[in-house]
Amino acid sequence: MRVPYSHDRVAKIKTVDGRRWHQQEKHWTVPRTDRTIAQVLALFPGEPTEVDPSLDALHAPRQEKRVLDTDPAMLERLGTALCAWHYVRRTEQAYGHWIKRFTRFHHGRQPAEMAEPEINRFPTHLAVTEKVSASTQNQALAAVLFLYRHGIGRDIGDISEVIRARKPERLPVVMAREEVKAVLANLTGDKWLIAAIMHGAGLRLMECLRLRVQDLDCSRNEILIRDGKGAKDRMTMLPESVKAPRLDHLTKVKTVHQRDLAEGVGPRPASRRPRPQVPQCATGLALALGVSPGSPMGQWQDQRTKSPSH
């Protein structure tokens, strides 16, 4: 069901039990039950509604044959390739999401059975029907090409028939000094420290959150970013304004840690820690595809969801 967008309509949707927002597809879904359908219709009486046929292909029934049901070796090769390329977990999850979307768009057909025409249609559908951005379309196409090159072992030929999403030409938005000061003035504690380091040193959010004490060299005013985007290390400057707050933060964290140890809630001895049963490699891909690594040897087991929702 498609209704025109408005803030009031979004507020109504948020009152439905089991509703879910899909960031990639830019739409809401609700459980397909008589009670939920009646609730949605009651929320939008007299609204101009229409059935969106693209959602049927997008959310195909789960009993359809899936790529993992017939070719677990392909998933193994795909996961190994993602690990070899050192993709971060978020990229693994994104690739798994688009691979699942690709197979559902073609009604559960196996990727090995399809070729360039089917590949061309999927990103074209994203740009023409779903109106996704150019970056979203590029990521979806990259995921499908990665699947064929490394999961199936086939090089894709001509994909020139893909209708590309239009990339908007925008000037970069740069905050003025007064605006930066106003933002920082409304932050305190850890949030202020994170924002100050990100702005002063040019760090991404996850790069900042993964910093360790040994990565900050106050004597040389340097920060070492380890394993950044593209699996690269780099050096950047340490803002002078964060030196004193950094020491205060470390003192506070150390105090909390020592209190936890005294109360017996610190980390257990290494010998008592349970050995991980799930390999860390390519777990993002597994989560996105709805499966989990079954053993340290990398065998994958299907984890089906028993209650489909749309």
Protein backbone atom coordinates (compact mmCIF):
# COMPACT_ATOMS: atom_id res chain seq x y z
CA MET A 1 0.00 0.00 0.00
CA ARG A 2 1.38 3.38 -0.96
CA VAL A 3 0.27 6.67 0.61
CA PRO A 4 1.64 10.17 0.03
CA TYR A 5 4.39 11.15 2.44
CA SER A 6 3.78 13.50 5.36
CA HIS A 7 4.99 13.79 8.94
CA ASP A 8 1.48 13.07 10.25
CA ARG A 9 1.27 9.83 8.28
CA VAL A 10 4.67 8.73 9.57
CA ALA A 11 3.50 9.39 13.13
CA LYS A 12 0.46 7.18 12.50
CA ILE A 13 2.58 4.35 11.09
CA LYS A 14 4.73 4.43 14.21
CA THR A 15 1.67 3.47 16.27
CA VAL A 16 1.33 0.12 14.45
CA ASP A 17 2.71 -2.86 16.35
CA GLY A 18 5.53 -4.63 14.55
CA ARG A 19 6.18 -1.83 12.07
CA ARG A 20 9.68 -1.60 10.68
CA TRP A 21 11.53 1.10 8.74
CA HIS A 22 13.82 -0.10 5.92
CA GLN A 23 16.60 2.42 5.45
CA GLN A 24 17.92 1.03 2.19
CA GLU A 25 14.51 0.82 0.47
CA LYS A 26 13.05 3.95 2.14
CA HIS A 27 9.73 2.41 3.17
CA TRP A 28 7.85 0.95 6.15
CA THR A 29 6.64 -2.63 6.47
CA VAL A 30 4.11 -4.11 8.91
CA PRO A 31 3.21 -7.73 9.72
CA ARG A 32 0.82 -9.23 7.17
CA THR A 33 -2.04 -10.12 9.54
CA ASP A 34 -5.76 -9.33 9.44
CA ARG A 35 -5.46 -7.29 12.64
CA THR A 36 -2.59 -5.17 11.31
CA ILE A 37 -4.24 -4.58 7.95
CA ALA A 38 -7.43 -3.46 9.67
CA GLN A 39 -5.39 -1.15 11.90
CA VAL A 40 -3.60 0.42 8.93
CA LEU A 41 -6.84 0.93 7.00
CA ALA A 42 -8.40 2.54 10.09
CA LEU A 43 -5.46 4.92 10.38
CA PHE A 44 -5.86 6.12 6.80
CA PRO A 45 -9.61 6.36 6.12
CA GLY A 46 -10.38 7.93 2.78
CA GLU A 47 -6.69 8.24 1.90
CA PRO A 48 -5.70 7.78 -1.77
CA THR A 49 -3.98 4.40 -1.50
CA GLU A 50 -2.67 1.99 -4.10
CA VAL A 51 -0.99 -1.38 -4.08
CA ASP A 52 2.71 -1.14 -4.88
CA PRO A 53 3.56 -4.16 -7.09
CA SER A 54 7.30 -3.70 -6.52
CA LEU A 55 6.86 -4.75 -2.88
CA ASP A 56 5.72 -8.22 -3.95
CA ALA A 57 9.01 -8.80 -5.71
CA LEU A 58 10.92 -7.07 -2.93
CA HIS A 59 9.44 -9.16 -0.14
CA ALA A 60 8.93 -12.50 -1.85
CA PRO A 61 7.49 -15.34 0.27
CA ARG A 62 10.12 -17.02 2.38
CA GLN A 63 9.20 -20.48 1.17
CA GLU A 64 10.77 -19.60 -2.18
CA LYS A 65 13.98 -21.35 -3.01
CA ARG A 66 16.87 -19.23 -1.86
CA VAL A 67 20.43 -19.07 -3.03
CA LEU A 68 21.70 -20.65 0.18
CA ASP A 69 19.42 -23.66 -0.10
CA THR A 70 21.10 -25.11 -3.14
CA ASP A 71 24.66 -23.75 -3.19
CA PRO A 72 26.22 -23.37 0.28
CA ALA A 73 29.67 -23.62 -1.32
CA MET A 74 29.01 -20.36 -3.13
CA LEU A 75 28.37 -18.62 0.19
CA GLU A 76 31.60 -20.09 1.53
CA ARG A 77 33.55 -18.69 -1.42
CA LEU A 78 31.82 -15.34 -1.06
CA GLY A 79 32.63 -15.09 2.63
CA THR A 80 36.25 -16.06 2.03
CA ALA A 81 36.59 -13.38 -0.66
CA LEU A 82 35.13 -10.70 1.62
CA CYS A 83 37.66 -11.63 4.29
CA ALA A 84 40.51 -11.60 1.79
CA TRP A 85 39.55 -8.09 0.67
CA HIS A 86 39.37 -6.94 4.32
CA TYR A 87 35.89 -5.49 3.98
CA VAL A 88 34.48 -4.11 7.21
CA ARG A 89 31.42 -5.70 8.77
CA ARG A 90 29.08 -2.94 7.58
CA THR A 91 30.15 -3.53 3.98
CA GLU A 92 29.60 -7.27 4.41
CA GLN A 93 26.09 -6.62 5.70
CA ALA A 94 25.34 -4.21 2.86
CA TYR A 95 26.56 -6.70 0.24
CA GLY A 96 24.51 -9.48 1.82
CA HIS A 97 21.45 -7.24 1.81
CA TRP A 98 21.78 -6.41 -1.89
CA ILE A 99 22.48 -10.03 -2.87
CA LYS A 100 19.28 -11.04 -1.11
CA ARG A 101 17.40 -8.21 -2.81
CA PHE A 102 18.78 -9.29 -6.19
CA THR A 103 17.56 -12.89 -5.83
CA ARG A 104 14.15 -11.78 -4.53
CA PHE A 105 13.76 -9.30 -7.38
CA HIS A 106 14.10 -12.24 -9.78
CA HIS A 107 11.61 -14.34 -7.75
CA GLY A 108 14.14 -16.67 -6.16
CA ARG A 109 16.05 -17.63 -9.28
CA GLN A 110 19.58 -18.84 -8.68
CA PRO A 111 22.30 -16.32 -9.64
CA ALA A 112 24.16 -19.01 -11.59
CA GLU A 113 21.12 -19.33 -13.87
CA MET A 114 21.10 -15.60 -14.74
CA ALA A 115 23.36 -13.43 -16.87
CA GLU A 116 23.86 -9.84 -18.00
CA PRO A 117 20.21 -9.07 -18.90
CA GLU A 118 18.99 -9.94 -15.42
CA ILE A 119 21.88 -8.07 -13.83
CA ASN A 120 21.09 -4.98 -15.89
CA ARG A 121 17.43 -5.01 -14.89
CA PHE A 122 18.03 -4.96 -11.14
CA PRO A 123 19.99 -1.68 -10.79
CA THR A 124 17.77 -0.15 -13.47
CA HIS A 125 14.72 -1.01 -11.35
CA LEU A 126 16.36 0.63 -8.33
CA ALA A 127 17.01 3.86 -10.21
CA VAL A 128 13.79 4.11 -12.24
CA THR A 129 11.16 2.61 -9.92
CA GLU A 130 12.55 3.06 -6.42
CA LYS A 131 14.33 6.34 -7.17
CA VAL A 132 17.43 5.44 -5.15
CA SER A 133 20.48 7.68 -5.09
CA ALA A 134 23.49 7.12 -7.33
CA SER A 135 25.61 5.91 -4.40
CA THR A 136 22.96 3.36 -3.38
CA GLN A 137 22.67 2.06 -6.92
CA ASN A 138 26.45 1.80 -7.22
CA GLN A 139 26.67 -0.19 -4.00
CA ALA A 140 23.93 -2.58 -5.13
CA LEU A 141 25.63 -3.14 -8.49
CA ALA A 142 29.02 -3.63 -6.81
CA ALA A 143 27.52 -6.28 -4.52
CA VAL A 144 26.00 -8.21 -7.44
CA LEU A 145 29.24 -8.03 -9.44
CA PHE A 146 31.19 -9.21 -6.38
CA LEU A 147 28.80 -12.14 -6.07
CA TYR A 148 29.40 -13.26 -9.66
CA ARG A 149 33.15 -12.70 -9.71
CA HIS A 150 34.03 -14.23 -6.35
CA GLY A 151 31.04 -16.37 -5.36
CA ILE A 152 30.18 -17.92 -8.73
CA GLY A 153 33.52 -17.38 -10.46
CA ARG A 154 32.18 -15.69 -13.57
CA ASP A 155 33.24 -12.39 -15.08
CA ILE A 156 30.34 -10.20 -16.14
CA GLY A 157 30.42 -8.69 -19.60
CA ASP A 158 28.38 -5.77 -20.88
CA ILE A 159 26.33 -3.90 -18.27
CA SER A 160 26.01 -0.73 -20.33
CA GLU A 161 22.22 -1.13 -20.46
CA VAL A 162 21.92 -0.12 -16.81
CA ILE A 163 20.06 3.16 -16.45
CA ARG A 164 22.15 5.11 -14.00
CA ALA A 165 20.67 7.08 -11.14
CA ARG A 166 21.29 10.76 -11.54
CA LYS A 167 23.98 12.04 -9.22
CA PRO A 168 23.00 15.46 -7.85
CA GLU A 169 25.52 18.23 -8.25
CA ARG A 170 25.80 19.81 -4.84
CA LEU A 171 28.37 22.05 -3.26
CA PRO A 172 29.91 20.71 -0.05
CA VAL A 173 28.33 22.01 3.14
CA VAL A 174 30.99 23.43 5.45
CA MET A 175 30.13 24.61 8.94
CA ALA A 176 31.34 28.04 9.99
CA ARG A 177 33.48 28.41 13.12
CA GLU A 178 30.56 29.94 15.01
CA GLU A 179 28.37 26.96 14.07
CA VAL A 180 31.00 24.47 15.24
CA LYS A 181 31.34 26.34 18.54
CA ALA A 182 27.57 26.32 18.97
CA VAL A 183 27.39 22.54 18.42
CA LEU A 184 30.24 21.81 20.83
CA ALA A 185 28.75 24.17 23.40
CA ASN A 186 25.66 21.93 23.56
CA LEU A 187 27.68 18.76 24.20
CA THR A 188 29.26 17.53 27.41
CA GLY A 189 31.38 14.66 28.64
CA ASP A 190 32.19 11.82 26.27
CA LYS A 191 30.03 13.21 23.47
CA TRP A 192 31.92 16.51 23.52
CA LEU A 193 35.25 14.69 23.42
CA ILE A 194 34.18 12.50 20.48
CA ALA A 195 32.84 15.46 18.50
CA ALA A 196 35.93 17.57 19.22
CA ILE A 197 38.31 14.83 18.08
CA MET A 198 36.26 14.08 14.95
CA HIS A 199 36.13 17.75 13.95
CA GLY A 200 39.66 18.69 14.92
CA ALA A 201 41.40 15.60 13.54
CA GLY A 202 39.09 14.70 10.64
CA LEU A 203 38.17 11.24 11.94
CA ARG A 204 35.18 9.15 10.96
CA LEU A 205 32.86 8.11 13.77
CA MET A 206 34.01 4.47 14.01
CA GLU A 207 37.65 5.53 13.72
CA CYS A 208 37.17 7.76 16.73
CA LEU A 209 35.32 5.13 18.77
CA ARG A 210 38.05 2.55 18.10
CA LEU A 211 40.91 4.74 19.31
CA ARG A 212 43.13 3.27 22.00
CA VAL A 213 45.30 5.08 24.53
CA GLN A 214 48.45 4.06 22.69
CA ASP A 215 47.14 5.58 19.45
CA LEU A 216 47.40 9.12 20.85
CA ASP A 217 50.89 10.65 21.06
CA CYS A 218 50.61 13.88 23.05
CA SER A 219 54.33 14.63 22.83
CA ARG A 220 54.16 14.80 19.03
CA ASN A 221 50.52 15.88 18.80
CA GLU A 222 49.66 12.91 16.58
CA ILE A 223 46.87 10.36 16.32
CA LEU A 224 47.43 6.97 14.68
CA ILE A 225 44.33 5.64 12.95
CA ARG A 226 44.68 1.89 12.54
CA ASP A 227 42.86 -0.12 9.89
CA GLY A 228 40.82 2.82 8.56
CA LYS A 229 38.72 2.85 5.43
CA GLY A 230 40.32 0.67 2.79
CA ALA A 231 42.27 -1.22 5.51
CA LYS A 232 44.83 1.60 5.64
CA ASP A 233 46.66 3.18 8.56
CA ARG A 234 47.28 6.91 8.65
CA MET A 235 48.56 9.67 10.92
CA THR A 236 46.75 12.89 11.69
CA MET A 237 47.11 15.74 14.15
CA LEU A 238 45.91 15.70 17.75
CA PRO A 239 43.95 18.88 18.54
CA GLU A 240 45.44 20.86 21.40
CA SER A 241 41.97 21.52 22.81
CA VAL A 242 41.32 17.84 23.61
CA LYS A 243 44.51 17.08 25.56
CA ALA A 244 43.23 18.05 29.00
CA PRO A 245 39.70 16.56 28.48
CA ARG A 246 41.35 13.37 27.26
CA LEU A 247 43.29 13.01 30.53
CA ASP A 248 40.14 13.68 32.54
CA HIS A 249 38.30 11.02 30.54
CA LEU A 250 41.05 8.44 31.07
CA THR A 251 41.13 9.17 34.79
CA LYS A 252 37.37 8.68 35.05
CA VAL A 253 37.44 5.45 33.05
CA LYS A 254 40.31 4.08 35.13
CA THR A 255 38.42 4.85 38.34
CA VAL A 256 35.33 3.03 37.08
CA HIS A 257 37.44 0.07 35.95
CA GLN A 258 39.19 -0.24 39.33
CA ARG A 259 35.85 -0.06 41.16
CA ASP A 260 34.44 -2.80 38.92
CA LEU A 261 37.44 -5.01 39.63
CA ALA A 262 37.05 -4.46 43.37
CA GLU A 263 33.38 -5.49 43.13
CA GLY A 264 34.25 -8.61 41.16
CA VAL A 265 32.62 -7.55 37.90
CA GLY A 266 35.80 -7.24 35.87
CA PRO A 267 36.85 -9.55 33.02
CA ARG A 268 37.14 -13.24 33.79
CA PRO A 269 40.50 -14.99 33.42
CA ALA A 270 41.32 -15.82 29.83
CA SER A 271 41.34 -19.56 30.57
CA ARG A 272 37.68 -19.42 31.63
CA ARG A 273 36.38 -17.56 28.63
CA PRO A 274 34.31 -19.77 26.31
CA ARG A 275 35.90 -20.36 22.96
CA PRO A 276 33.97 -18.64 20.17
CA GLN A 277 31.84 -21.01 18.14
CA VAL A 278 31.24 -18.59 15.27
CA PRO A 279 34.16 -17.46 13.11
CA GLN A 280 34.56 -13.69 13.05
CA CYS A 281 35.31 -13.69 9.34
CA ALA A 282 32.34 -12.58 7.20
CA THR A 283 29.83 -12.63 10.06
CA GLY A 284 28.32 -9.43 8.66
CA LEU A 285 27.48 -11.23 5.43
CA ALA A 286 25.93 -14.11 7.35
CA LEU A 287 23.72 -11.82 9.42
CA ALA A 288 22.53 -9.92 6.36
CA LEU A 289 21.61 -13.13 4.55
CA GLY A 290 19.80 -14.55 7.57
CA VAL A 291 22.26 -17.38 8.26
CA SER A 292 25.02 -18.02 10.74
CA PRO A 293 28.39 -19.77 10.44
CA GLY A 294 27.69 -23.25 11.73
CA SER A 295 31.17 -24.26 12.85
CA PRO A 296 34.78 -23.02 13.00
CA MET A 297 35.33 -24.90 9.75
CA GLY A 298 33.09 -22.38 8.03
CA GLN A 299 30.07 -24.57 7.35
CA TRP A 300 26.92 -22.51 6.98
CA GLN A 301 23.53 -23.54 8.27
CA ASP A 302 20.24 -22.07 7.23
CA GLN A 303 18.44 -20.19 10.01
CA ARG A 304 14.90 -19.84 8.72
CA THR A 305 12.45 -17.36 10.12
CA LYS A 306 9.20 -19.14 10.88
CA SER A 307 6.93 -16.08 10.97
CA PRO A 308 7.14 -14.05 7.75
CA SER A 309 6.11 -10.42 7.96
CA HIS A 310 5.52 -7.80 5.30
